[in-house]
Amino acid sequence: MILIVPMDPEYFPEMVLLLGGAFASAVAVRFLFTRQLGRAARAGAIGVACIALVFVLARLHRGPSRHAVDAQKPTRSPGHR
């Protein structure tokens, strides 16, 4: 069975930055193994910056999410027709 997680488009920028940070971090590790310390430091800094930006954007996310809007919809009581 495949785990399927629904993805709202409002979180797409954060997802792309997170994947970019992971990729840059992997490149930094590769540069460390090939003893290219300058390039490893730059790629590592980019990776850390991307991942940190994901957390900042997640905290500053403006506007109500779809789930918050659904929770605020008034519900009818059983006595109403």
PDB file of N, CA and C in Angstrom:
ATOM      1  N   MET A   1       0.835  -1.172   0.000  1.00  0.00           N
ATOM      2  CA  MET A   1       0.000   0.000   0.000  1.00  0.00           C
ATOM      3  C   MET A   1       0.888   1.246   0.000  1.00  0.00           C
ATOM      4  N   ILE A   2       0.525   2.203  -0.811  1.00  0.00           N
ATOM      5  CA  ILE A   2       1.300   3.430  -0.936  1.00  0.00           C
ATOM      6  C   ILE A   2       0.672   4.504  -0.052  1.00  0.00           C
ATOM      7  N   LEU A   3       1.515   5.186   0.705  1.00  0.00           N
ATOM      8  CA  LEU A   3       1.049   6.284   1.550  1.00  0.00           C
ATOM      9  C   LEU A   3       0.865   7.521   0.687  1.00  0.00           C
ATOM     10  N   ILE A   4      -0.334   8.054   0.657  1.00  0.00           N
ATOM     11  CA  ILE A   4      -0.635   9.233  -0.135  1.00  0.00           C
ATOM     12  C   ILE A   4      -0.955  10.370   0.818  1.00  0.00           C
ATOM     13  N   VAL A   5      -0.186  11.453   0.714  1.00  0.00           N
ATOM     14  CA  VAL A   5      -0.398  12.621   1.562  1.00  0.00           C
ATOM     15  C   VAL A   5      -0.908  13.739   0.671  1.00  0.00           C
ATOM     16  N   PRO A   6      -2.086  14.303   0.969  1.00  0.00           N
ATOM     17  CA  PRO A   6      -2.573  15.402   0.141  1.00  0.00           C
ATOM     18  C   PRO A   6      -1.686  16.635   0.320  1.00  0.00           C
ATOM     19  N   MET A   7      -1.448  17.341  -0.767  1.00  0.00           N
ATOM     20  CA  MET A   7      -0.574  18.512  -0.740  1.00  0.00           C
ATOM     21  C   MET A   7      -1.341  19.719  -1.225  1.00  0.00           C
ATOM     22  N   ASP A   8      -1.505  20.695  -0.352  1.00  0.00           N
ATOM     23  CA  ASP A   8      -2.149  21.936  -0.753  1.00  0.00           C
ATOM     24  C   ASP A   8      -1.150  22.777  -1.538  1.00  0.00           C
ATOM     25  N   PRO A   9      -1.591  23.458  -2.591  1.00  0.00           N
ATOM     26  CA  PRO A   9      -0.667  24.276  -3.383  1.00  0.00           C
ATOM     27  C   PRO A   9      -0.099  25.463  -2.612  1.00  0.00           C
ATOM     28  N   GLU A  10      -0.732  25.837  -1.507  1.00  0.00           N
ATOM     29  CA  GLU A  10      -0.237  26.979  -0.745  1.00  0.00           C
ATOM     30  C   GLU A  10       1.107  26.681  -0.088  1.00  0.00           C
ATOM     31  N   TYR A  11       1.475  25.414   0.067  1.00  0.00           N
ATOM     32  CA  TYR A  11       2.740  25.044   0.683  1.00  0.00           C
ATOM     33  C   TYR A  11       3.807  24.688  -0.344  1.00  0.00           C
ATOM     34  N   PHE A  12       3.561  24.929  -1.619  1.00  0.00           N
ATOM     35  CA  PHE A  12       4.516  24.576  -2.671  1.00  0.00           C
ATOM     36  C   PHE A  12       5.856  25.313  -2.528  1.00  0.00           C
ATOM     37  N   PRO A  13       5.867  26.637  -2.251  1.00  0.00           N
ATOM     38  CA  PRO A  13       7.180  27.301  -2.110  1.00  0.00           C
ATOM     39  C   PRO A  13       8.026  26.710  -0.982  1.00  0.00           C
ATOM     40  N   GLU A  14       7.394  26.372   0.133  1.00  0.00           N
ATOM     41  CA  GLU A  14       8.134  25.784   1.237  1.00  0.00           C
ATOM     42  C   GLU A  14       8.681  24.409   0.855  1.00  0.00           C
ATOM     43  N   MET A  15       7.890  23.643   0.125  1.00  0.00           N
ATOM     44  CA  MET A  15       8.331  22.318  -0.283  1.00  0.00           C
ATOM     45  C   MET A  15       9.538  22.414  -1.223  1.00  0.00           C
ATOM     46  N   VAL A  16       9.478  23.350  -2.168  1.00  0.00           N
ATOM     47  CA  VAL A  16      10.584  23.502  -3.118  1.00  0.00           C
ATOM     48  C   VAL A  16      11.848  23.951  -2.394  1.00  0.00           C
ATOM     49  N   LEU A  17      11.717  24.885  -1.456  1.00  0.00           N
ATOM     50  CA  LEU A  17      12.892  25.329  -0.703  1.00  0.00           C
ATOM     51  C   LEU A  17      13.466  24.201   0.156  1.00  0.00           C
ATOM     52  N   LEU A  18      12.606  23.394   0.733  1.00  0.00           N
ATOM     53  CA  LEU A  18      13.078  22.281   1.555  1.00  0.00           C
ATOM     54  C   LEU A  18      13.831  21.261   0.705  1.00  0.00           C
ATOM     55  N   LEU A  19      13.288  20.938  -0.454  1.00  0.00           N
ATOM     56  CA  LEU A  19      13.983  20.009  -1.353  1.00  0.00           C
ATOM     57  C   LEU A  19      15.291  20.609  -1.866  1.00  0.00           C
ATOM     58  N   GLY A  20      15.280  21.905  -2.178  1.00  0.00           N
ATOM     59  CA  GLY A  20      16.509  22.574  -2.618  1.00  0.00           C
ATOM     60  C   GLY A  20      17.573  22.588  -1.539  1.00  0.00           C
ATOM     61  N   GLY A  21      17.147  22.804  -0.281  1.00  0.00           N
ATOM     62  CA  GLY A  21      18.093  22.771   0.827  1.00  0.00           C
ATOM     63  C   GLY A  21      18.675  21.391   1.035  1.00  0.00           C
ATOM     64  N   ALA A  22      17.848  20.378   0.894  1.00  0.00           N
ATOM     65  CA  ALA A  22      18.344  19.002   1.029  1.00  0.00           C
ATOM     66  C   ALA A  22      19.323  18.672  -0.098  1.00  0.00           C
ATOM     67  N   PHE A  23      19.016  19.113  -1.315  1.00  0.00           N
ATOM     68  CA  PHE A  23      19.909  18.865  -2.450  1.00  0.00           C
ATOM     69  C   PHE A  23      21.235  19.595  -2.263  1.00  0.00           C
ATOM     70  N   ALA A  24      21.184  20.859  -1.834  1.00  0.00           N
ATOM     71  CA  ALA A  24      22.414  21.623  -1.621  1.00  0.00           C
ATOM     72  C   ALA A  24      23.251  21.002  -0.504  1.00  0.00           C
ATOM     73  N   SER A  25      22.591  20.483   0.518  1.00  0.00           N
ATOM     74  CA  SER A  25      23.325  19.827   1.611  1.00  0.00           C
ATOM     75  C   SER A  25      23.999  18.546   1.118  1.00  0.00           C
ATOM     76  N   ALA A  26      23.316  17.801   0.258  1.00  0.00           N
ATOM     77  CA  ALA A  26      23.913  16.589  -0.310  1.00  0.00           C
ATOM     78  C   ALA A  26      25.115  16.939  -1.186  1.00  0.00           C
ATOM     79  N   VAL A  27      25.010  18.024  -1.933  1.00  0.00           N
ATOM     80  CA  VAL A  27      26.142  18.472  -2.756  1.00  0.00           C
ATOM     81  C   VAL A  27      27.304  18.895  -1.862  1.00  0.00           C
ATOM     82  N   ALA A  28      26.993  19.534  -0.738  1.00  0.00           N
ATOM     83  CA  ALA A  28      28.046  19.945   0.199  1.00  0.00           C
ATOM     84  C   ALA A  28      28.785  18.726   0.755  1.00  0.00           C
ATOM     85  N   VAL A  29      28.046  17.681   1.073  1.00  0.00           N
ATOM     86  CA  VAL A  29      28.684  16.457   1.571  1.00  0.00           C
ATOM     87  C   VAL A  29      29.570  15.850   0.485  1.00  0.00           C
ATOM     88  N   ARG A  30      29.114  15.883  -0.743  1.00  0.00           N
ATOM     89  CA  ARG A  30      29.927  15.361  -1.848  1.00  0.00           C
ATOM     90  C   ARG A  30      31.218  16.158  -1.987  1.00  0.00           C
ATOM     91  N   PHE A  31      31.125  17.488  -1.877  1.00  0.00           N
ATOM     92  CA  PHE A  31      32.328  18.318  -1.952  1.00  0.00           C
ATOM     93  C   PHE A  31      33.269  18.043  -0.780  1.00  0.00           C
ATOM     94  N   LEU A  32      32.705  17.728   0.386  1.00  0.00           N
ATOM     95  CA  LEU A  32      33.566  17.377   1.519  1.00  0.00           C
ATOM     96  C   LEU A  32      34.348  16.096   1.246  1.00  0.00           C
ATOM     97  N   PHE A  33      33.698  15.125   0.630  1.00  0.00           N
ATOM     98  CA  PHE A  33      34.385  13.869   0.324  1.00  0.00           C
ATOM     99  C   PHE A  33      35.469  14.055  -0.734  1.00  0.00           C
ATOM    100  N   THR A  34      35.291  15.014  -1.619  1.00  0.00           N
ATOM    101  CA  THR A  34      36.304  15.270  -2.645  1.00  0.00           C
ATOM    102  C   THR A  34      37.296  16.342  -2.198  1.00  0.00           C
ATOM    103  N   ARG A  35      37.216  16.736  -0.930  1.00  0.00           N
ATOM    104  CA  ARG A  35      38.141  17.683  -0.296  1.00  0.00           C
ATOM    105  C   ARG A  35      38.160  19.050  -0.970  1.00  0.00           C
ATOM    106  N   GLN A  36      37.015  19.493  -1.404  1.00  0.00           N
ATOM    107  CA  GLN A  36      36.865  20.846  -1.948  1.00  0.00           C
ATOM    108  C   GLN A  36      36.154  21.675  -0.876  1.00  0.00           C
ATOM    109  N   LEU A  37      36.917  22.134   0.107  1.00  0.00           N
ATOM    110  CA  LEU A  37      36.342  22.735   1.301  1.00  0.00           C
ATOM    111  C   LEU A  37      35.629  24.052   1.022  1.00  0.00           C
ATOM    112  N   GLY A  38      36.140  24.842   0.120  1.00  0.00           N
ATOM    113  CA  GLY A  38      35.498  26.123  -0.200  1.00  0.00           C
ATOM    114  C   GLY A  38      34.117  25.925  -0.814  1.00  0.00           C
ATOM    115  N   ARG A  39      34.062  25.025  -1.764  1.00  0.00           N
ATOM    116  CA  ARG A  39      32.770  24.731  -2.395  1.00  0.00           C
ATOM    117  C   ARG A  39      31.811  24.060  -1.416  1.00  0.00           C
ATOM    118  N   ALA A  40      32.343  23.216  -0.548  1.00  0.00           N
ATOM    119  CA  ALA A  40      31.508  22.544   0.452  1.00  0.00           C
ATOM    120  C   ALA A  40      30.908  23.567   1.408  1.00  0.00           C
ATOM    121  N   ALA A  41      31.690  24.544   1.806  1.00  0.00           N
ATOM    122  CA  ALA A  41      31.186  25.578   2.719  1.00  0.00           C
ATOM    123  C   ALA A  41      30.091  26.403   2.054  1.00  0.00           C
ATOM    124  N   ARG A  42      30.298  26.762   0.784  1.00  0.00           N
ATOM    125  CA  ARG A  42      29.267  27.541   0.079  1.00  0.00           C
ATOM    126  C   ARG A  42      27.984  26.744  -0.110  1.00  0.00           C
ATOM    127  N   ALA A  43      28.102  25.501  -0.536  1.00  0.00           N
ATOM    128  CA  ALA A  43      26.915  24.673  -0.735  1.00  0.00           C
ATOM    129  C   ALA A  43      26.214  24.391   0.596  1.00  0.00           C
ATOM    130  N   GLY A  44      26.994  24.175   1.647  1.00  0.00           N
ATOM    131  CA  GLY A  44      26.403  23.964   2.965  1.00  0.00           C
ATOM    132  C   GLY A  44      25.675  25.189   3.469  1.00  0.00           C
ATOM    133  N   ALA A  45      26.241  26.364   3.230  1.00  0.00           N
ATOM    134  CA  ALA A  45      25.584  27.608   3.647  1.00  0.00           C
ATOM    135  C   ALA A  45      24.279  27.815   2.876  1.00  0.00           C
ATOM    136  N   ILE A  46      24.280  27.494   1.611  1.00  0.00           N
ATOM    137  CA  ILE A  46      23.051  27.613   0.816  1.00  0.00           C
ATOM    138  C   ILE A  46      21.993  26.639   1.334  1.00  0.00           C
ATOM    139  N   GLY A  47      22.400  25.412   1.636  1.00  0.00           N
ATOM    140  CA  GLY A  47      21.468  24.417   2.164  1.00  0.00           C
ATOM    141  C   GLY A  47      20.859  24.844   3.481  1.00  0.00           C
ATOM    142  N   VAL A  48      21.697  25.319   4.394  1.00  0.00           N
ATOM    143  CA  VAL A  48      21.204  25.771   5.699  1.00  0.00           C
ATOM    144  C   VAL A  48      20.296  26.980   5.536  1.00  0.00           C
ATOM    145  N   ALA A  49      20.654  27.899   4.642  1.00  0.00           N
ATOM    146  CA  ALA A  49      19.829  29.089   4.420  1.00  0.00           C
ATOM    147  C   ALA A  49      18.459  28.720   3.851  1.00  0.00           C
ATOM    148  N   CYS A  50      18.420  27.783   2.921  1.00  0.00           N
ATOM    149  CA  CYS A  50      17.139  27.353   2.348  1.00  0.00           C
ATOM    150  C   CYS A  50      16.250  26.705   3.402  1.00  0.00           C
ATOM    151  N   ILE A  51      16.827  25.840   4.211  1.00  0.00           N
ATOM    152  CA  ILE A  51      16.044  25.156   5.236  1.00  0.00           C
ATOM    153  C   ILE A  51      15.580  26.134   6.309  1.00  0.00           C
ATOM    154  N   ALA A  52      16.444  27.089   6.681  1.00  0.00           N
ATOM    155  CA  ALA A  52      16.032  28.107   7.655  1.00  0.00           C
ATOM    156  C   ALA A  52      14.918  28.979   7.089  1.00  0.00           C
ATOM    157  N   LEU A  53      15.000  29.295   5.804  1.00  0.00           N
ATOM    158  CA  LEU A  53      13.960  30.105   5.169  1.00  0.00           C
ATOM    159  C   LEU A  53      12.622  29.380   5.145  1.00  0.00           C
ATOM    160  N   VAL A  54      12.646  28.064   5.038  1.00  0.00           N
ATOM    161  CA  VAL A  54      11.405  27.280   5.088  1.00  0.00           C
ATOM    162  C   VAL A  54      10.705  27.504   6.425  1.00  0.00           C
ATOM    163  N   PHE A  55      11.466  27.453   7.507  1.00  0.00           N
ATOM    164  CA  PHE A  55      10.860  27.642   8.827  1.00  0.00           C
ATOM    165  C   PHE A  55      10.354  29.069   9.016  1.00  0.00           C
ATOM    166  N   VAL A  56      11.091  30.038   8.497  1.00  0.00           N
ATOM    167  CA  VAL A  56      10.647  31.433   8.599  1.00  0.00           C
ATOM    168  C   VAL A  56       9.360  31.637   7.805  1.00  0.00           C
ATOM    169  N   LEU A  57       9.305  31.123   6.590  1.00  0.00           N
ATOM    170  CA  LEU A  57       8.100  31.270   5.773  1.00  0.00           C
ATOM    171  C   LEU A  57       6.911  30.534   6.382  1.00  0.00           C
ATOM    172  N   ALA A  58       7.161  29.407   7.001  1.00  0.00           N
ATOM    173  CA  ALA A  58       6.071  28.658   7.626  1.00  0.00           C
ATOM    174  C   ALA A  58       5.479  29.446   8.789  1.00  0.00           C
ATOM    175  N   ARG A  59       6.310  30.161   9.528  1.00  0.00           N
ATOM    176  CA  ARG A  59       5.795  30.972  10.637  1.00  0.00           C
ATOM    177  C   ARG A  59       5.098  32.237  10.153  1.00  0.00           C
ATOM    178  N   LEU A  60       5.562  32.788   9.044  1.00  0.00           N
ATOM    179  CA  LEU A  60       5.010  34.039   8.537  1.00  0.00           C
ATOM    180  C   LEU A  60       3.915  33.830   7.501  1.00  0.00           C
ATOM    181  N   HIS A  61       3.486  32.596   7.315  1.00  0.00           N
ATOM    182  CA  HIS A  61       2.499  32.289   6.284  1.00  0.00           C
ATOM    183  C   HIS A  61       1.243  33.124   6.501  1.00  0.00           C
ATOM    184  N   ARG A  62       0.925  33.936   5.548  1.00  0.00           N
ATOM    185  CA  ARG A  62      -0.200  34.865   5.666  1.00  0.00           C
ATOM    186  C   ARG A  62      -1.479  34.235   5.132  1.00  0.00           C
ATOM    187  N   GLY A  63      -2.594  34.707   5.645  1.00  0.00           N
ATOM    188  CA  GLY A  63      -3.897  34.272   5.156  1.00  0.00           C
ATOM    189  C   GLY A  63      -4.332  32.968   5.780  1.00  0.00           C
ATOM    190  N   PRO A  64      -5.618  32.802   5.888  1.00  0.00           N
ATOM    191  CA  PRO A  64      -6.114  31.556   6.481  1.00  0.00           C
ATOM    192  C   PRO A  64      -5.958  30.396   5.516  1.00  0.00           C
ATOM    193  N   SER A  65      -5.644  29.254   6.065  1.00  0.00           N
ATOM    194  CA  SER A  65      -5.540  28.072   5.222  1.00  0.00           C
ATOM    195  C   SER A  65      -6.941  27.558   4.903  1.00  0.00           C
ATOM    196  N   ARG A  66      -7.004  26.658   3.977  1.00  0.00           N
ATOM    197  CA  ARG A  66      -8.295  26.104   3.585  1.00  0.00           C
ATOM    198  C   ARG A  66      -8.966  25.402   4.761  1.00  0.00           C
ATOM    199  N   HIS A  67      -8.161  24.758   5.594  1.00  0.00           N
ATOM    200  CA  HIS A  67      -8.713  24.028   6.728  1.00  0.00           C
ATOM    201  C   HIS A  67      -9.274  24.987   7.778  1.00  0.00           C
ATOM    202  N   ALA A  68      -8.631  26.139   7.958  1.00  0.00           N
ATOM    203  CA  ALA A  68      -9.138  27.115   8.920  1.00  0.00           C
ATOM    204  C   ALA A  68     -10.442  27.724   8.429  1.00  0.00           C
ATOM    205  N   VAL A  69     -10.561  27.932   7.128  1.00  0.00           N
ATOM    206  CA  VAL A  69     -11.794  28.484   6.567  1.00  0.00           C
ATOM    207  C   VAL A  69     -12.928  27.481   6.723  1.00  0.00           C
ATOM    208  N   ASP A  70     -12.658  26.191   6.504  1.00  0.00           N
ATOM    209  CA  ASP A  70     -13.689  25.169   6.674  1.00  0.00           C
ATOM    210  C   ASP A  70     -14.161  25.094   8.123  1.00  0.00           C
ATOM    211  N   ALA A  71     -13.245  25.301   9.062  1.00  0.00           N
ATOM    212  CA  ALA A  71     -13.612  25.220  10.477  1.00  0.00           C
ATOM    213  C   ALA A  71     -14.467  26.412  10.901  1.00  0.00           C
ATOM    214  N   GLN A  72     -14.364  27.530  10.184  1.00  0.00           N
ATOM    215  CA  GLN A  72     -15.106  28.735  10.565  1.00  0.00           C
ATOM    216  C   GLN A  72     -16.487  28.802   9.927  1.00  0.00           C
ATOM    217  N   LYS A  73     -16.812  27.889   9.037  1.00  0.00           N
ATOM    218  CA  LYS A  73     -18.125  27.918   8.393  1.00  0.00           C
ATOM    219  C   LYS A  73     -19.210  27.659   9.430  1.00  0.00           C
ATOM    220  N   PRO A  74     -20.247  28.461   9.418  1.00  0.00           N
ATOM    221  CA  PRO A  74     -21.320  28.223  10.389  1.00  0.00           C
ATOM    222  C   PRO A  74     -22.063  26.936  10.053  1.00  0.00           C
ATOM    223  N   THR A  75     -22.393  26.219  11.080  1.00  0.00           N
ATOM    224  CA  THR A  75     -23.162  24.988  10.879  1.00  0.00           C
ATOM    225  C   THR A  75     -24.597  25.244  11.301  1.00  0.00           C
ATOM    226  N   ARG A  76     -25.488  24.574  10.661  1.00  0.00           N
ATOM    227  CA  ARG A  76     -26.902  24.737  10.977  1.00  0.00           C
ATOM    228  C   ARG A  76     -27.268  23.823  12.127  1.00  0.00           C
ATOM    229  N   SER A  77     -28.109  24.322  12.990  1.00  0.00           N
ATOM    230  CA  SER A  77     -28.560  23.489  14.094  1.00  0.00           C
ATOM    231  C   SER A  77     -29.649  22.537  13.575  1.00  0.00           C
ATOM    232  N   PRO A  78     -29.892  21.425  14.255  1.00  0.00           N
ATOM    233  CA  PRO A  78     -30.862  20.440  13.761  1.00  0.00           C
ATOM    234  C   PRO A  78     -32.277  20.996  13.643  1.00  0.00           C
ATOM    235  N   GLY A  79     -32.598  22.071  14.329  1.00  0.00           N
ATOM    236  CA  GLY A  79     -33.945  22.620  14.278  1.00  0.00           C
ATOM    237  C   GLY A  79     -34.232  23.442  13.026  1.00  0.00           C
ATOM    238  N   HIS A  80     -33.218  23.865  12.307  1.00  0.00           N
ATOM    239  CA  HIS A  80     -33.415  24.671  11.103  1.00  0.00           C
ATOM    240  C   HIS A  80     -33.767  23.794   9.909  1.00  0.00           C
ATOM    241  N   ARG A  81     -34.539  24.349   9.006  1.00  0.00           N
ATOM    242  CA  ARG A  81     -34.902  23.618   7.784  1.00  0.00           C
ATOM    243  C   ARG A  81     -34.098  24.085   6.613  1.00  0.00           C
TER     244      ARG A  81
END
